[in-house]
Protein backbone atom coordinates (compact mmCIF):
# COMPACT_ATOMS: atom_id res chain seq x y z
CA MET A 1 58.18 239.57 -18.98
CA SER A 2 55.56 238.21 -16.64
CA GLY A 3 52.47 240.21 -15.68
CA PRO A 4 51.24 240.87 -12.15
CA ARG A 5 50.38 237.78 -10.11
CA GLY A 6 46.67 237.24 -9.50
CA GLU A 7 45.32 237.23 -5.97
CA ILE A 8 43.23 234.31 -4.77
CA VAL A 9 40.27 235.42 -2.71
CA ASP A 10 37.24 233.61 -1.25
CA LEU A 11 33.98 234.34 -3.00
CA PRO A 12 31.36 235.99 -0.82
CA ALA A 13 28.54 233.74 0.26
CA GLY A 14 25.78 233.54 -2.33
CA THR A 15 28.02 234.39 -5.33
CA GLY A 16 29.51 232.14 -7.97
CA ILE A 17 29.06 230.67 -11.40
CA ALA A 18 25.38 230.00 -10.86
CA GLU A 19 24.81 233.73 -10.63
CA GLU A 20 26.98 234.53 -13.65
CA VAL A 21 25.13 232.12 -15.96
CA PRO A 22 21.40 232.43 -15.40
CA GLY A 23 19.44 229.21 -15.34
CA ARG A 24 22.53 227.04 -14.91
CA GLN A 25 23.39 225.22 -11.72
CA SER A 26 27.00 225.46 -10.58
CA PRO A 27 28.66 222.14 -9.74
CA TRP A 28 30.01 223.89 -6.65
CA ALA A 29 26.65 225.21 -5.52
CA ALA A 30 25.45 224.02 -2.13
CA ARG A 31 23.45 220.83 -2.31
CA PRO A 32 21.21 219.37 0.38
CA THR A 33 22.91 216.71 2.48
CA PRO A 34 21.24 213.35 1.89
CA THR A 35 19.46 212.06 4.98
CA ARG A 36 20.46 208.67 6.24
CA GLY A 37 18.31 206.30 8.21
CA PRO A 38 19.48 204.80 11.50
CA ALA A 39 22.44 202.43 11.32
CA TYR A 40 21.70 198.72 11.01
CA GLY A 41 20.69 197.42 14.43
CA ALA A 42 20.74 200.81 16.14
CA GLY A 43 19.57 200.33 19.73
CA SER A 44 19.94 196.54 19.70
CA ALA A 45 21.76 194.75 22.52
CA ILE A 46 23.44 192.37 20.06
CA ILE A 47 24.28 193.15 16.43
CA CYS A 48 25.76 190.63 14.01
CA ASP A 49 26.24 192.21 10.60
CA ASN A 50 27.50 189.95 7.79
CA LEU A 51 29.52 188.05 10.41
CA VAL A 52 32.19 185.67 9.15
CA LYS A 53 34.40 183.27 11.13
CA ILE A 54 37.03 181.15 9.43
CA TYR A 55 39.11 178.52 11.21
CA LYS A 56 42.29 177.09 9.76
CA VAL A 57 42.72 173.36 10.36
CA ALA A 58 46.02 172.04 9.04
CA GLU A 59 45.98 173.20 5.40
CA LEU A 60 42.21 173.62 5.24
CA GLU A 61 40.07 176.65 5.93
CA VAL A 62 36.69 175.95 7.58
CA VAL A 63 34.09 178.69 7.23
CA ALA A 64 32.00 178.33 10.37
CA LEU A 65 29.97 181.54 9.93
CA GLN A 66 29.15 182.69 6.40
CA GLY A 67 27.83 186.25 6.54
CA LEU A 68 25.44 185.76 9.46
CA ASP A 69 22.98 188.56 10.38
CA LEU A 70 21.30 188.69 13.78
CA LEU A 71 19.70 191.36 15.96
CA VAL A 72 18.71 190.83 19.61
CA GLU A 73 16.83 193.57 21.39
CA PRO A 74 17.57 194.68 24.97
CA GLY A 75 15.79 192.49 27.50
CA GLU A 76 14.98 189.79 24.93
CA PHE A 77 15.27 186.08 25.71
CA ILE A 78 16.00 184.01 22.59
CA ALA A 79 17.05 180.47 21.80
CA ILE A 80 19.47 179.51 19.02
CA VAL A 81 19.14 176.00 17.55
CA GLY A 82 20.82 174.12 14.74
CA ALA A 83 22.41 170.84 13.76
CA SER A 84 25.92 169.95 14.88
CA GLY A 85 28.37 171.98 12.79
CA SER A 86 25.80 174.63 11.87
CA GLY A 87 27.83 177.40 13.51
CA LYS A 88 25.75 178.10 16.63
CA SER A 89 28.55 177.38 19.13
CA THR A 90 30.97 179.43 17.06
CA LEU A 91 28.54 182.33 17.18
CA LEU A 92 28.28 182.05 20.97
CA ASN A 93 32.08 182.00 21.32
CA VAL A 94 32.35 185.15 19.22
CA LEU A 95 29.68 186.91 21.28
CA ALA A 96 31.44 185.78 24.47
CA GLY A 97 34.71 187.34 23.33
CA LEU A 98 36.43 183.95 23.19
CA ASP A 99 36.89 184.16 19.37
CA THR A 100 37.37 187.15 17.12
CA PRO A 101 35.40 187.69 13.91
CA SER A 102 37.25 187.06 10.63
CA ALA A 103 35.06 189.65 8.89
CA GLY A 104 31.87 191.58 9.41
CA ARG A 105 30.72 193.14 12.68
CA ALA A 106 29.77 191.75 16.08
CA ILE A 107 28.63 194.35 18.60
CA VAL A 108 27.37 193.54 22.09
CA ALA A 109 26.12 196.26 24.43
CA ASP A 110 27.90 198.87 22.26
CA HIS A 111 31.22 196.96 22.37
CA ASP A 112 32.73 196.21 18.95
CA LEU A 113 34.23 192.74 19.42
CA GLY A 114 36.41 192.97 16.32
CA ALA A 115 38.16 196.12 17.51
CA MET A 116 38.91 195.25 21.15
CA LYS A 117 42.44 194.73 22.45
CA VAL A 118 43.41 192.00 24.90
CA ALA A 119 42.81 194.07 28.08
CA GLU A 120 39.51 195.35 26.75
CA ARG A 121 38.44 191.81 25.93
CA THR A 122 39.22 190.68 29.47
CA ALA A 123 37.18 193.55 30.95
CA TYR A 124 34.38 192.76 28.51
CA ARG A 125 34.16 189.13 29.64
CA ARG A 126 34.27 190.20 33.27
CA ARG A 127 31.65 192.98 33.24
CA VAL A 128 29.59 192.99 30.04
CA ILE A 129 28.61 189.34 29.54
CA GLY A 130 27.90 186.40 31.79
CA PHE A 131 28.54 182.89 30.45
CA VAL A 132 26.98 179.58 31.53
CA ARG A 133 28.52 176.44 30.07
CA GLN A 134 26.95 173.00 29.73
CA GLN A 135 29.48 171.30 32.02
CA THR A 136 29.03 172.56 35.57
CA ALA A 137 32.68 171.75 36.29
CA ALA A 138 33.61 174.55 33.90
CA ASN A 139 31.41 177.04 35.78
CA LEU A 140 32.20 176.35 39.45
CA LEU A 141 35.34 175.86 41.54
CA PRO A 142 34.93 172.57 43.46
CA TYR A 143 36.73 173.68 46.62
CA LEU A 144 34.52 176.78 47.14
CA THR A 145 31.02 176.92 48.51
CA ALA A 146 28.14 178.19 46.37
CA LEU A 147 28.36 181.59 48.09
CA GLU A 148 32.14 181.80 47.53
CA ASN A 149 31.76 180.83 43.88
CA VAL A 150 29.31 183.67 43.33
CA GLU A 151 31.62 186.08 45.14
CA MET A 152 34.68 185.17 43.04
CA PRO A 153 33.94 187.34 39.94
CA MET A 154 33.30 190.32 42.27
CA LEU A 155 36.58 189.64 44.09
CA LEU A 156 38.45 189.71 40.78
CA ASP A 157 36.71 192.97 39.96
CA GLY A 158 37.91 194.61 43.19
CA ARG A 159 34.63 194.93 45.06
CA SER A 160 34.56 195.08 48.86
CA ARG A 161 33.92 191.98 50.98
CA ARG A 162 30.70 193.35 52.39
CA THR A 163 29.36 194.21 48.93
CA ARG A 164 30.37 190.80 47.57
CA ARG A 165 28.72 188.87 50.38
CA GLN A 166 25.46 190.82 50.25
CA HIS A 167 25.10 190.67 46.45
CA ALA A 168 26.03 186.94 46.35
CA ARG A 169 23.32 186.12 48.87
CA GLU A 170 20.77 188.15 46.88
CA LEU A 171 21.63 186.25 43.69
CA LEU A 172 21.43 182.84 45.32
CA ASP A 173 18.05 183.79 46.77
CA ARG A 174 16.91 184.87 43.29
CA VAL A 175 17.74 181.45 41.81
CA GLY A 176 16.07 179.68 44.76
CA LEU A 177 19.23 178.48 46.55
CA ALA A 178 19.56 180.75 49.58
CA ASP A 179 19.49 177.68 51.85
CA ARG A 180 22.33 176.02 49.92
CA ALA A 181 24.80 178.90 50.10
CA ASP A 182 27.33 177.04 52.33
CA HIS A 183 27.39 173.83 50.24
CA ARG A 184 30.19 172.93 47.87
CA PRO A 185 29.31 171.76 44.32
CA ASP A 186 29.71 168.06 45.20
CA ARG A 187 26.90 168.45 47.74
CA LEU A 188 24.55 170.00 45.13
CA SER A 189 22.43 168.31 42.49
CA GLY A 190 23.11 168.96 38.78
CA GLY A 191 20.22 171.40 38.55
CA GLU A 192 21.34 173.24 41.69
CA GLN A 193 24.87 173.50 40.28
CA GLN A 194 23.56 175.07 37.10
CA ARG A 195 21.44 177.54 39.06
CA VAL A 196 24.53 178.51 41.04
CA SER A 197 26.28 178.91 37.68
CA VAL A 198 23.59 181.37 36.62
CA ALA A 199 24.18 183.35 39.81
CA VAL A 200 27.96 183.34 39.16
CA ALA A 201 27.37 184.61 35.59
CA LEU A 202 25.30 187.50 37.01
CA ALA A 203 27.74 188.46 39.77
CA ASN A 204 29.04 191.63 38.10
CA ASN A 205 25.61 192.69 36.79
CA PRO A 206 26.25 192.08 33.07
CA PRO A 207 23.59 193.32 30.66
CA VAL A 208 23.89 190.15 28.55
CA LEU A 209 23.85 186.47 29.59
CA LEU A 210 24.99 183.72 27.20
CA ALA A 211 24.29 180.06 27.90
CA ASP A 212 25.63 177.07 25.97
CA GLU A 213 23.34 174.05 26.41
CA PRO A 214 22.66 174.89 30.10
CA THR A 215 20.17 171.99 30.43
CA GLY A 216 22.03 169.53 28.20
CA GLU A 217 23.03 167.20 31.06
CA LEU A 218 19.82 167.49 33.09
CA ASP A 219 16.56 165.56 33.21
CA THR A 220 13.26 167.22 32.26
CA SER A 221 12.12 168.28 35.72
CA THR A 222 15.54 169.68 36.63
CA SER A 223 15.71 171.47 33.28
CA ARG A 224 12.46 173.21 34.15
CA GLU A 225 14.02 174.56 37.34
CA VAL A 226 17.02 175.98 35.48
CA PHE A 227 14.79 177.42 32.78
CA ALA A 228 12.57 179.02 35.43
CA ALA A 229 15.65 180.62 36.96
CA LEU A 230 16.65 182.06 33.59
CA ARG A 231 13.14 183.35 32.98
CA ALA A 232 13.10 185.02 36.39
CA VAL A 233 16.45 186.72 35.71
CA ASN A 234 15.20 187.93 32.34
CA THR A 235 11.89 189.22 33.68
CA ASP A 236 13.05 190.71 37.01
CA LEU A 237 16.47 192.11 36.03
CA GLY A 238 15.89 192.83 32.33
CA VAL A 239 19.01 190.87 31.35
CA THR A 240 19.26 190.00 27.63
CA ILE A 241 19.63 186.20 27.35
CA VAL A 242 20.83 184.08 24.42
CA VAL A 243 20.64 180.31 24.89
CA VAL A 244 22.12 177.76 22.48
CA THR A 245 20.12 174.60 23.01
CA HIS A 246 18.75 171.31 21.66
CA ASP A 247 16.23 171.17 24.49
CA PRO A 248 12.67 171.57 23.14
CA LEU A 249 11.58 172.77 26.63
CA VAL A 250 13.77 175.86 26.26
CA ALA A 251 13.35 176.39 22.51
CA GLY A 252 9.58 175.99 22.81
CA HIS A 253 9.05 178.47 25.63
CA VAL A 254 10.91 181.56 24.45
CA ARG A 255 9.33 184.25 22.28
CA ARG A 256 11.87 183.81 19.49
CA THR A 257 13.84 180.80 18.32
CA VAL A 258 16.55 181.38 15.70
CA ALA A 259 17.67 178.39 13.60
CA ILE A 260 21.18 178.47 12.09
CA ARG A 261 22.04 176.40 9.03
CA ASP A 262 25.39 176.35 7.18
CA GLY A 263 26.70 179.34 9.11
CA ARG A 264 23.74 181.64 8.50
CA THR A 265 20.45 182.38 10.22
CA ALA A 266 17.92 180.30 8.27
CA THR A 267 14.57 180.63 10.07
CA GLU A 268 12.99 182.34 13.05
CA THR A 269 10.05 180.99 15.00
CA LEU A 270 7.98 183.66 16.75
CA ARG A 271 5.55 182.80 19.55
CA ARG A 272 2.73 184.85 20.95
CA ASP A 273 -0.06 184.32 23.41
CA THR A 274 -3.41 183.42 21.90
CA THR A 275 -6.52 185.53 22.26
CA ALA A 276 -9.62 184.12 23.97
CA GLU A 277 -11.08 183.21 20.55
CA GLU A 278 -7.92 181.35 19.49
CA VAL A 279 -7.33 179.23 22.60
CA GLU A 280 -9.62 176.37 21.60
CA ALA A 281 -7.99 175.96 18.17
CA HIS A 282 -4.38 176.70 18.98
CA GLY A 283 -3.84 176.30 22.72
CA GLU A 284 -2.18 178.96 24.85
CA THR A 285 0.43 180.04 22.30
CA ILE A 286 0.77 180.32 18.53
CA ALA A 287 4.14 179.63 16.87
CA GLU A 288 4.84 180.93 13.36
CA GLU A 289 8.00 180.08 11.44
CA TYR A 290 9.58 182.62 9.08
CA ALA A 291 12.47 182.38 6.64
CA VAL A 292 15.17 184.94 7.38
CA LEU A 293 15.89 187.49 4.65
CA ASP A 294 19.40 188.87 5.20
CA ARG A 295 20.68 192.33 4.29
CA ALA A 296 21.93 191.08 0.91
CA GLY A 297 18.45 189.81 0.03
CA ARG A 298 19.39 186.13 0.53
CA LEU A 299 17.17 183.55 2.21
CA GLN A 300 17.47 179.80 2.78
CA LEU A 301 14.48 177.78 1.68
CA PRO A 302 13.53 175.02 4.14
CA ARG A 303 15.19 171.76 3.15
CA GLU A 304 11.89 169.87 3.04
CA HIS A 305 10.48 172.39 0.58
CA VAL A 306 13.50 172.11 -1.65
CA GLU A 307 13.34 168.33 -1.65
CA ALA A 308 9.58 168.20 -2.21
CA LEU A 309 9.77 170.33 -5.35
CA HIS A 310 13.18 168.96 -6.51
CA LEU A 311 14.67 172.46 -6.51
CA GLU A 312 18.34 172.65 -7.47
CA ARG A 313 20.84 175.04 -9.03
CA ARG A 314 18.37 177.71 -10.10
CA VAL A 315 14.70 178.64 -9.75
CA ARG A 316 12.29 181.07 -11.39
CA LEU A 317 10.93 183.97 -9.33
CA THR A 318 7.69 185.77 -10.05
CA LEU A 319 6.54 188.94 -8.28
CA GLU A 320 2.86 188.83 -7.39
CA ALA A 321 0.74 191.51 -5.76
CA ASP A 322 1.39 190.25 -2.24
CA HIS A 323 4.07 187.56 -2.48
CA ILE A 324 6.97 186.16 -4.49
CA GLY A 325 6.52 182.86 -6.28
CA VAL A 326 9.41 180.36 -6.46
CA TRP A 327 9.23 177.88 -9.36
CA PRO A 328 11.39 174.93 -10.39
CA ASP A 329 13.52 175.33 -13.51
CA GLY A 330 11.03 174.16 -16.15
CA ARG A 331 13.65 173.88 -18.88
CA LYS A 332 15.62 171.33 -16.88
CA ARG A 333 12.46 169.23 -16.39
CA GLU A 334 11.70 169.39 -20.14
CA GLU A 335 15.21 168.20 -20.97
CA GLU A 336 14.79 165.26 -18.63
CA ASP A 337 11.44 164.28 -20.23
CA ARG A 338 12.90 164.12 -23.75
């Protein structure tokens, strides 16, 4: 015969096993919630966190981005450089919403590119980023004037004719082409076409501008004009700009140049203005190159350093008071000497 069924009740606050057994902590006792620091890249305009992109070509898989980390702050103007096949164009296509990440995170202006649907991706490309390609034919419609080309993104976004016309004229004036508004692309020089392309990319007031070799087909003097237009947009409007380039004019005149190698960020070159005491020895700016340490603790040693010391397979690390020493594998060298 079964006894009376027990009743389940909630314990009053402050009671429990810890009180029944003095000096012993209950496993159910309240514990302080661990504090967490800010999320990786919090507040950044662009966040790439362990970003991976894999392309399938026939039966082969090509890993274009191999766990790339990158942060770009709001209002920053950076250049991305690297050899052909390093992954820089793939990175730009992912940031532009033209490709989707295979793994990792890519976030631009608080938009998670890996989680967006087709309609969201279209709105993202229309309003969040501007894109300037190397070939001007890919940026401008040949049968429209410069003014009409700048108006086109606003037309697609449903803005009124009066608003479109006024804003388009303001943008052309900002890039120094107010007097060329009624000219079609074939009546403009290469540099003028690219400056119109910059105005087109800014038509819907995006917070981020991406440019793929914008001066790649231009001579030095014309490249300076396009670069000056980009600098003015960055300074006056606060637009975050990322330029993929081989042009030393651009790479040498931004505050930060990021080099990509084998699908990862390898080095960063930071530039700053010199003080009055430094001008004679260093000129107007000082450039310092740093190896990039990713979130997993990995870094890529410069190729010339590796070759100079014949580093391969493995190295010895020693922790010093203010640095880490990297040493060749001495045992391998001893084996070779025998």
